């Protein structure tokens, strides 16, 4: 099991099975509402996360992420949760533009 800490959800700590096809599915398995306008297909940037620690513990950039980086829509410290597989523990935050109004955040 890998561990993800979501800092702006009150340091919520999740144990995620690395066999999930992507991080978004692992987050949803814990019943956490995480934005994904395209249904988790890498066609938008609404599921992005800011990776605060452990960038070396996620899979490499996908073609979709490379495209968004080239367009300036995905910062160097951001990844799409629908595109990455966990290879170790990470600490992330949800960007302000991707927060839901019905959820409480700690920042």
N, C-alpha and C. Protein backbone atom coordinates (compact mmCIF):
# COMPACT_ATOMS: atom_id res chain seq x y z
N UNK A 1 0.84 -1.18 0.00
CA UNK A 1 0.00 0.00 0.00
C UNK A 1 0.88 1.25 0.00
N UNK A 2 0.46 2.21 -0.79
CA UNK A 2 1.16 3.49 -0.79
C UNK A 2 0.32 4.49 -0.01
N UNK A 3 0.96 5.54 0.43
CA UNK A 3 0.29 6.54 1.24
C UNK A 3 0.24 7.86 0.48
N UNK A 4 -0.92 8.49 0.51
CA UNK A 4 -1.06 9.84 -0.03
C UNK A 4 -1.60 10.72 1.09
N UNK A 5 -0.99 11.87 1.24
CA UNK A 5 -1.46 12.88 2.19
C UNK A 5 -1.97 14.05 1.36
N UNK A 6 -3.19 14.49 1.66
CA UNK A 6 -3.78 15.65 0.98
C UNK A 6 -3.79 16.78 2.00
N UNK A 7 -2.84 17.70 1.86
CA UNK A 7 -2.60 18.70 2.90
C UNK A 7 -3.78 19.63 3.13
N UNK A 8 -4.43 20.07 2.06
CA UNK A 8 -5.51 21.04 2.25
C UNK A 8 -6.88 20.38 2.45
N UNK A 9 -6.86 19.09 2.73
CA UNK A 9 -8.03 18.38 3.25
C UNK A 9 -7.71 17.93 4.68
N UNK A 10 -7.16 18.88 5.43
CA UNK A 10 -6.83 18.65 6.83
C UNK A 10 -5.84 17.50 7.01
N UNK A 11 -4.86 17.43 6.09
CA UNK A 11 -3.83 16.39 6.09
C UNK A 11 -4.42 14.98 6.06
N UNK A 12 -5.48 14.84 5.30
CA UNK A 12 -6.12 13.52 5.13
C UNK A 12 -5.09 12.54 4.59
N UNK A 13 -4.97 11.40 5.25
CA UNK A 13 -4.01 10.39 4.85
C UNK A 13 -4.75 9.16 4.35
N UNK A 14 -4.40 8.73 3.16
CA UNK A 14 -5.05 7.58 2.52
C UNK A 14 -4.02 6.49 2.25
N UNK A 15 -4.42 5.27 2.44
CA UNK A 15 -3.62 4.13 2.01
C UNK A 15 -4.25 3.65 0.69
N UNK A 16 -3.46 3.67 -0.36
CA UNK A 16 -3.98 3.36 -1.69
C UNK A 16 -3.27 2.15 -2.26
N UNK A 17 -4.04 1.23 -2.75
CA UNK A 17 -3.51 0.05 -3.41
C UNK A 17 -2.84 0.48 -4.70
N UNK A 18 -1.56 0.18 -4.88
CA UNK A 18 -0.85 0.60 -6.09
C UNK A 18 -1.38 -0.08 -7.36
N UNK A 19 -2.27 -1.05 -7.22
CA UNK A 19 -2.82 -1.72 -8.39
C UNK A 19 -3.94 -0.93 -9.07
N UNK A 20 -4.42 0.17 -8.42
CA UNK A 20 -5.40 1.01 -9.11
C UNK A 20 -4.76 1.54 -10.40
N UNK A 21 -5.56 1.68 -11.43
CA UNK A 21 -5.02 2.11 -12.71
C UNK A 21 -4.50 3.54 -12.67
N UNK A 22 -5.01 4.36 -11.74
CA UNK A 22 -4.49 5.71 -11.60
C UNK A 22 -4.83 6.26 -10.21
N UNK A 23 -4.21 7.35 -9.86
CA UNK A 23 -4.40 7.95 -8.54
C UNK A 23 -5.83 8.40 -8.32
N UNK A 24 -6.48 8.94 -9.33
CA UNK A 24 -7.86 9.40 -9.20
C UNK A 24 -8.78 8.28 -8.71
N UNK A 25 -8.63 7.10 -9.28
CA UNK A 25 -9.46 5.97 -8.85
C UNK A 25 -9.16 5.58 -7.40
N UNK A 26 -7.93 5.68 -7.00
CA UNK A 26 -7.58 5.40 -5.61
C UNK A 26 -8.18 6.40 -4.65
N UNK A 27 -8.20 7.68 -5.04
CA UNK A 27 -8.81 8.71 -4.21
C UNK A 27 -10.32 8.48 -4.11
N UNK A 28 -10.94 8.21 -5.24
CA UNK A 28 -12.39 7.96 -5.24
C UNK A 28 -12.75 6.71 -4.44
N UNK A 29 -11.86 5.73 -4.37
CA UNK A 29 -12.13 4.52 -3.58
C UNK A 29 -12.28 4.85 -2.10
N UNK A 30 -11.74 6.00 -1.69
CA UNK A 30 -11.86 6.46 -0.31
C UNK A 30 -13.02 7.45 -0.14
N UNK A 31 -13.87 7.53 -1.15
CA UNK A 31 -15.07 8.38 -1.11
C UNK A 31 -14.75 9.86 -0.95
N UNK A 32 -13.65 10.27 -1.53
CA UNK A 32 -13.29 11.69 -1.54
C UNK A 32 -13.71 12.25 -2.89
N UNK A 33 -14.48 13.33 -2.84
CA UNK A 33 -14.96 13.99 -4.05
C UNK A 33 -13.80 14.79 -4.66
N UNK A 34 -13.34 14.37 -5.83
CA UNK A 34 -12.22 15.01 -6.51
C UNK A 34 -12.67 15.33 -7.93
N UNK A 35 -12.52 16.58 -8.32
CA UNK A 35 -13.02 17.01 -9.61
C UNK A 35 -12.38 16.22 -10.76
N UNK A 36 -13.19 15.93 -11.78
CA UNK A 36 -12.71 15.26 -13.00
C UNK A 36 -13.76 15.44 -14.09
N UNK A 37 -13.77 16.62 -14.70
CA UNK A 37 -14.81 16.99 -15.66
C UNK A 37 -14.88 16.07 -16.87
N UNK A 38 -13.78 15.49 -17.28
CA UNK A 38 -13.78 14.65 -18.49
C UNK A 38 -13.98 13.17 -18.17
N UNK A 39 -14.23 12.87 -16.92
CA UNK A 39 -14.42 11.48 -16.54
C UNK A 39 -13.11 10.73 -16.33
N UNK A 40 -12.03 11.46 -16.11
CA UNK A 40 -10.74 10.82 -15.84
C UNK A 40 -10.07 10.27 -17.08
N UNK A 41 -10.20 10.96 -18.20
CA UNK A 41 -9.63 10.48 -19.47
C UNK A 41 -8.44 11.30 -19.96
N UNK A 42 -7.98 12.26 -19.15
CA UNK A 42 -6.84 13.08 -19.57
C UNK A 42 -7.18 14.12 -20.62
N UNK A 43 -8.45 14.49 -20.72
CA UNK A 43 -8.91 15.44 -21.74
C UNK A 43 -9.08 16.86 -21.19
N UNK A 44 -8.81 17.04 -19.87
CA UNK A 44 -8.92 18.36 -19.25
C UNK A 44 -7.87 18.43 -18.15
N UNK A 45 -7.93 19.45 -17.35
CA UNK A 45 -6.96 19.55 -16.24
C UNK A 45 -7.66 19.70 -14.89
N UNK A 46 -8.92 19.34 -14.82
CA UNK A 46 -9.66 19.56 -13.58
C UNK A 46 -9.29 18.61 -12.45
N UNK A 47 -8.63 17.51 -12.74
CA UNK A 47 -8.26 16.57 -11.67
C UNK A 47 -6.83 16.78 -11.19
N UNK A 48 -6.22 17.88 -11.60
CA UNK A 48 -4.81 18.04 -11.24
C UNK A 48 -4.60 18.18 -9.74
N UNK A 49 -3.40 17.81 -9.34
CA UNK A 49 -2.95 17.93 -7.96
C UNK A 49 -1.59 18.60 -7.96
N UNK A 50 -1.34 19.38 -6.93
CA UNK A 50 -0.02 19.95 -6.73
C UNK A 50 0.77 18.92 -5.92
N UNK A 51 1.85 18.44 -6.47
CA UNK A 51 2.67 17.44 -5.77
C UNK A 51 3.70 18.19 -4.92
N UNK A 52 3.53 18.10 -3.61
CA UNK A 52 4.40 18.80 -2.67
C UNK A 52 5.61 17.97 -2.28
N UNK A 53 5.43 16.66 -2.20
CA UNK A 53 6.52 15.73 -1.89
C UNK A 53 6.28 14.43 -2.64
N UNK A 54 7.35 13.83 -3.09
CA UNK A 54 7.25 12.51 -3.69
C UNK A 54 7.06 12.49 -5.20
N UNK A 55 7.43 13.56 -5.89
CA UNK A 55 7.28 13.57 -7.35
C UNK A 55 8.01 12.39 -7.99
N UNK A 56 9.07 11.94 -7.36
CA UNK A 56 9.81 10.79 -7.89
C UNK A 56 9.08 9.47 -7.62
N UNK A 57 7.96 9.52 -6.91
CA UNK A 57 7.18 8.32 -6.61
C UNK A 57 5.93 8.17 -7.47
N UNK A 58 5.89 8.90 -8.58
CA UNK A 58 4.77 8.76 -9.52
C UNK A 58 5.33 8.43 -10.90
N UNK A 59 4.48 7.83 -11.72
CA UNK A 59 4.89 7.46 -13.07
C UNK A 59 5.24 8.70 -13.88
N UNK A 60 5.91 8.49 -15.00
CA UNK A 60 6.34 9.59 -15.87
C UNK A 60 5.18 10.32 -16.52
N UNK A 61 5.48 11.49 -17.07
CA UNK A 61 4.46 12.28 -17.76
C UNK A 61 3.87 11.51 -18.93
N UNK A 62 2.56 11.60 -19.06
CA UNK A 62 1.88 11.01 -20.21
C UNK A 62 1.85 12.03 -21.35
N UNK A 63 1.46 11.60 -22.54
CA UNK A 63 1.36 12.52 -23.66
C UNK A 63 0.39 13.66 -23.37
N UNK A 64 -0.72 13.35 -22.70
CA UNK A 64 -1.70 14.39 -22.35
C UNK A 64 -1.06 15.43 -21.43
N UNK A 65 -0.31 14.98 -20.43
CA UNK A 65 0.32 15.92 -19.51
C UNK A 65 1.39 16.75 -20.20
N UNK A 66 2.12 16.15 -21.10
CA UNK A 66 3.13 16.90 -21.87
C UNK A 66 2.47 18.00 -22.69
N UNK A 67 1.32 17.70 -23.28
CA UNK A 67 0.58 18.69 -24.06
C UNK A 67 0.14 19.85 -23.17
N UNK A 68 -0.42 19.55 -21.99
CA UNK A 68 -0.87 20.61 -21.09
C UNK A 68 0.30 21.42 -20.55
N UNK A 69 1.43 20.79 -20.32
CA UNK A 69 2.63 21.52 -19.89
C UNK A 69 3.06 22.49 -20.98
N UNK A 70 3.07 22.02 -22.22
CA UNK A 70 3.49 22.85 -23.34
C UNK A 70 2.55 24.06 -23.52
N UNK A 71 1.29 23.88 -23.18
CA UNK A 71 0.30 24.96 -23.30
C UNK A 71 0.25 25.85 -22.05
N UNK A 72 1.07 25.54 -21.05
CA UNK A 72 1.11 26.32 -19.83
C UNK A 72 -0.06 26.06 -18.88
N UNK A 73 -0.73 24.93 -19.06
CA UNK A 73 -1.89 24.60 -18.23
C UNK A 73 -1.57 23.65 -17.09
N UNK A 74 -0.33 23.18 -17.04
CA UNK A 74 0.08 22.24 -16.00
C UNK A 74 1.49 22.64 -15.56
N UNK A 75 1.59 23.15 -14.34
CA UNK A 75 2.88 23.60 -13.82
C UNK A 75 3.81 22.42 -13.57
N UNK A 76 5.07 22.71 -13.38
CA UNK A 76 6.09 21.68 -13.20
C UNK A 76 5.81 20.81 -11.97
N UNK A 77 5.13 21.37 -10.96
CA UNK A 77 4.84 20.62 -9.74
C UNK A 77 3.41 20.08 -9.72
N UNK A 78 2.73 20.09 -10.86
CA UNK A 78 1.37 19.59 -10.95
C UNK A 78 1.30 18.35 -11.83
N UNK A 79 0.40 17.46 -11.48
CA UNK A 79 0.15 16.25 -12.27
C UNK A 79 -1.35 16.00 -12.33
N UNK A 80 -1.80 15.30 -13.36
CA UNK A 80 -3.19 14.92 -13.47
C UNK A 80 -3.38 13.61 -12.73
N UNK A 81 -4.29 13.58 -11.77
CA UNK A 81 -4.48 12.38 -10.97
C UNK A 81 -5.01 11.22 -11.81
N UNK A 82 -5.66 11.52 -12.92
CA UNK A 82 -6.19 10.45 -13.77
C UNK A 82 -5.10 9.82 -14.64
N UNK A 83 -3.92 10.42 -14.65
CA UNK A 83 -2.86 9.95 -15.53
C UNK A 83 -1.71 9.26 -14.81
N UNK A 84 -1.62 9.42 -13.50
CA UNK A 84 -0.44 8.89 -12.83
C UNK A 84 -0.75 7.64 -12.00
N UNK A 85 0.25 6.79 -11.96
CA UNK A 85 0.24 5.62 -11.07
C UNK A 85 1.22 5.92 -9.95
N UNK A 86 0.82 5.53 -8.76
CA UNK A 86 1.71 5.71 -7.61
C UNK A 86 2.76 4.61 -7.58
N UNK A 87 3.97 5.03 -7.31
CA UNK A 87 5.08 4.09 -7.16
C UNK A 87 5.69 4.21 -5.77
N UNK A 88 5.05 5.05 -4.94
CA UNK A 88 5.51 5.30 -3.59
C UNK A 88 4.65 6.37 -2.96
N UNK A 89 5.01 6.79 -1.77
CA UNK A 89 4.22 7.77 -1.02
C UNK A 89 4.35 9.17 -1.61
N UNK A 90 3.25 9.94 -1.54
CA UNK A 90 3.27 11.32 -2.01
C UNK A 90 2.43 12.20 -1.09
N UNK A 91 2.72 13.49 -1.15
CA UNK A 91 1.95 14.52 -0.47
C UNK A 91 1.49 15.51 -1.52
N UNK A 92 0.18 15.78 -1.55
CA UNK A 92 -0.39 16.65 -2.57
C UNK A 92 -1.31 17.70 -1.95
N UNK A 93 -1.67 18.67 -2.76
CA UNK A 93 -2.69 19.66 -2.41
C UNK A 93 -3.58 19.84 -3.63
N UNK A 94 -4.81 20.23 -3.39
CA UNK A 94 -5.75 20.51 -4.47
C UNK A 94 -5.60 21.99 -4.84
N UNK A 95 -5.38 22.30 -6.12
CA UNK A 95 -5.28 23.70 -6.53
C UNK A 95 -6.60 24.44 -6.27
N UNK A 96 -6.51 25.72 -5.97
CA UNK A 96 -7.71 26.50 -5.67
C UNK A 96 -8.75 26.42 -6.78
N UNK A 97 -8.32 26.45 -8.02
CA UNK A 97 -9.26 26.46 -9.14
C UNK A 97 -9.99 25.12 -9.32
N UNK A 98 -9.54 24.09 -8.64
CA UNK A 98 -10.17 22.77 -8.77
C UNK A 98 -10.89 22.33 -7.50
N UNK A 99 -11.11 23.26 -6.59
CA UNK A 99 -11.82 22.94 -5.36
C UNK A 99 -13.33 23.01 -5.59
N UNK A 100 -14.04 22.13 -4.92
CA UNK A 100 -15.49 22.13 -4.97
C UNK A 100 -16.06 23.10 -3.92
N UNK A 101 -17.11 23.83 -4.26
CA UNK A 101 -17.70 24.75 -3.28
C UNK A 101 -18.41 24.04 -2.12
N UNK A 102 -18.80 22.79 -2.29
CA UNK A 102 -19.52 22.09 -1.22
C UNK A 102 -18.61 21.38 -0.22
N UNK A 103 -17.29 21.47 -0.43
CA UNK A 103 -16.35 20.79 0.47
C UNK A 103 -15.63 21.79 1.36
N UNK A 104 -15.19 21.35 2.50
CA UNK A 104 -14.40 22.17 3.41
C UNK A 104 -12.93 21.86 3.22
N UNK A 105 -12.15 22.90 3.07
CA UNK A 105 -10.71 22.77 2.88
C UNK A 105 -9.99 23.47 4.03
N UNK A 106 -8.79 23.05 4.30
CA UNK A 106 -8.06 23.59 5.45
C UNK A 106 -7.14 24.75 5.08
N UNK A 107 -7.24 25.24 3.87
CA UNK A 107 -6.48 26.46 3.52
C UNK A 107 -7.32 27.42 2.72
